[in-house]
Amino acid sequence: MPHLLVPCRRSVFPESMARELRPEGIHVALVVFDGFIDTEFAR
């Protein structure tokens, strides 16, 4: 079931960046868009 590990792998990089950059006051976020944004291309 390797597909179950994908969300975990996706979050490792931003979590690592957040730990490293937190002392400098920089916030890190992971935003996943699951769908289309209403644009001409999507219509």
Protein backbone atom coordinates (compact mmCIF):
# COMPACT_ATOMS: atom_id res chain seq x y z
CA MET A 1 0.00 0.00 0.00
CA PRO A 2 2.59 2.64 -0.98
CA HIS A 3 -0.13 5.15 -1.91
CA LEU A 4 -0.94 5.54 1.80
CA LEU A 5 2.53 6.99 2.42
CA VAL A 6 2.21 9.85 -0.07
CA PRO A 7 0.63 12.38 2.35
CA CYS A 8 3.40 11.68 4.84
CA ARG A 9 6.15 12.19 2.26
CA ARG A 10 4.50 15.38 1.06
CA SER A 11 4.56 16.91 4.53
CA VAL A 12 8.15 16.02 5.46
CA PHE A 13 9.74 18.80 3.40
CA PRO A 14 7.61 21.70 4.71
CA GLU A 15 7.93 20.42 8.29
CA SER A 16 11.70 20.34 7.94
CA MET A 17 11.73 23.85 6.47
CA ALA A 18 9.47 25.10 9.28
CA ARG A 19 11.78 23.73 11.98
CA GLU A 20 14.80 25.30 10.33
CA LEU A 21 13.25 28.70 9.58
CA ARG A 22 11.14 29.15 12.75
CA PRO A 23 13.97 30.85 14.72
CA GLU A 24 14.16 33.49 11.98
CA GLY A 25 10.42 34.20 12.25
CA ILE A 26 9.61 32.69 8.84
CA HIS A 27 6.40 30.64 8.62
CA VAL A 28 6.06 27.74 6.18
CA ALA A 29 2.78 26.31 4.87
CA LEU A 30 1.83 23.46 2.57
CA VAL A 31 -1.25 24.19 0.47
CA VAL A 32 -2.72 21.43 -1.68
CA PHE A 33 -5.29 22.41 -4.30
CA ASP A 34 -7.35 19.35 -5.08
CA GLY A 35 -9.41 20.51 -8.02
CA PHE A 36 -9.56 23.16 -10.69
CA ILE A 37 -9.45 26.90 -10.12
CA ASP A 38 -12.09 28.69 -12.18
CA THR A 39 -10.05 29.94 -15.15
CA GLU A 40 -10.52 29.96 -18.91
CA PHE A 41 -8.15 27.00 -19.16
CA ALA A 42 -10.32 24.90 -16.84
CA ARG A 43 -13.55 25.51 -18.81
